[in-house]
Amino acid sequence: MARNPVRTAVQRPSPGQMSLSFLGGAFSELRKVNWPSREQTTRLTMLVLIVSVVIGAILGLIDIGFSRLFALVTGG
């Protein structure tokens, strides 16, 4: 039969201490981040914009095709 583990009293930090601890940890982690260079950021931003425009155009053409097909089927 399993025994209940002995529980010890744990002192919890106050909300203010928790906030400061969280912010300190967040800033510590941000210092470790390997940030991209300006050139990488520009290149990847342009890639995202180009892919978005291409996918938007493809979806627009599909929408036009379905609209015309629906009009043809319904006789409208």
Protein backbone atom coordinates (compact mmCIF):
# COMPACT_ATOMS: atom_id res chain seq x y z
CA MET A 1 0.00 0.00 0.00
CA ALA A 2 1.38 3.43 -0.94
CA ARG A 3 1.91 6.00 1.75
CA ASN A 4 0.98 9.63 1.47
CA PRO A 5 4.09 11.73 0.88
CA VAL A 6 5.05 14.13 3.63
CA ARG A 7 4.11 17.63 2.61
CA THR A 8 6.28 20.48 3.70
CA ALA A 9 5.19 24.07 3.86
CA VAL A 10 6.44 26.00 0.86
CA GLN A 11 6.61 29.74 1.20
CA ARG A 12 5.07 31.29 -1.89
CA PRO A 13 6.48 34.58 -3.19
CA SER A 14 4.24 37.62 -3.22
CA PRO A 15 2.68 38.70 -6.53
CA GLY A 16 5.14 41.61 -6.76
CA GLN A 17 8.10 39.28 -6.31
CA MET A 18 6.69 36.91 -8.93
CA SER A 19 6.32 39.77 -11.44
CA LEU A 20 9.89 40.94 -10.90
CA SER A 21 11.17 37.38 -11.13
CA PHE A 22 9.25 36.83 -14.37
CA LEU A 23 10.52 40.07 -15.92
CA GLY A 24 14.09 39.30 -14.89
CA GLY A 25 13.83 35.85 -16.46
CA ALA A 26 12.28 37.24 -19.62
CA PHE A 27 15.06 39.81 -20.08
CA SER A 28 17.65 37.12 -19.37
CA GLU A 29 16.18 34.92 -22.11
CA LEU A 30 15.99 37.83 -24.57
CA ARG A 31 19.74 38.36 -24.17
CA LYS A 32 20.28 34.77 -25.33
CA VAL A 33 18.23 35.16 -28.54
CA ASN A 34 20.13 34.96 -31.82
CA TRP A 35 18.51 37.92 -33.61
CA PRO A 36 18.53 37.92 -37.44
CA SER A 37 20.53 40.55 -39.32
CA ARG A 38 18.83 43.41 -41.14
CA GLU A 39 19.51 41.68 -44.48
CA GLN A 40 17.94 38.41 -43.31
CA THR A 41 14.92 40.26 -41.97
CA THR A 42 14.45 42.18 -45.24
CA ARG A 43 14.89 39.05 -47.38
CA LEU A 44 12.47 36.96 -45.31
CA THR A 45 9.90 39.78 -45.18
CA MET A 46 10.00 40.06 -48.98
CA LEU A 47 9.61 36.28 -49.26
CA VAL A 48 6.53 36.34 -47.02
CA LEU A 49 5.00 39.19 -49.03
CA ILE A 50 5.65 37.45 -52.37
CA VAL A 51 4.24 34.13 -51.17
CA SER A 52 1.18 35.93 -49.76
CA VAL A 53 0.51 37.71 -53.07
CA VAL A 54 0.95 34.49 -55.09
CA ILE A 55 -1.37 32.50 -52.82
CA GLY A 56 -3.89 35.37 -52.85
CA ALA A 57 -3.84 35.41 -56.66
CA ILE A 58 -4.31 31.63 -56.84
CA LEU A 59 -7.22 31.73 -54.41
CA GLY A 60 -8.74 34.66 -56.32
CA LEU A 61 -8.58 32.73 -59.58
CA ILE A 62 -10.13 29.68 -57.93
CA ASP A 63 -12.90 31.91 -56.55
CA ILE A 64 -13.57 33.41 -59.99
CA GLY A 65 -13.67 29.92 -61.50
CA PHE A 66 -16.16 28.64 -58.94
CA SER A 67 -18.30 31.77 -59.34
CA ARG A 68 -18.51 31.27 -63.09
CA LEU A 69 -19.17 27.53 -62.65
CA PHE A 70 -21.96 28.29 -60.18
CA ALA A 71 -23.47 30.87 -62.54
CA LEU A 72 -23.30 28.34 -65.40
CA VAL A 73 -24.96 25.58 -63.32
CA THR A 74 -27.73 27.81 -61.95
CA GLY A 75 -28.28 29.57 -65.28
CA GLY A 76 -27.64 32.97 -63.73
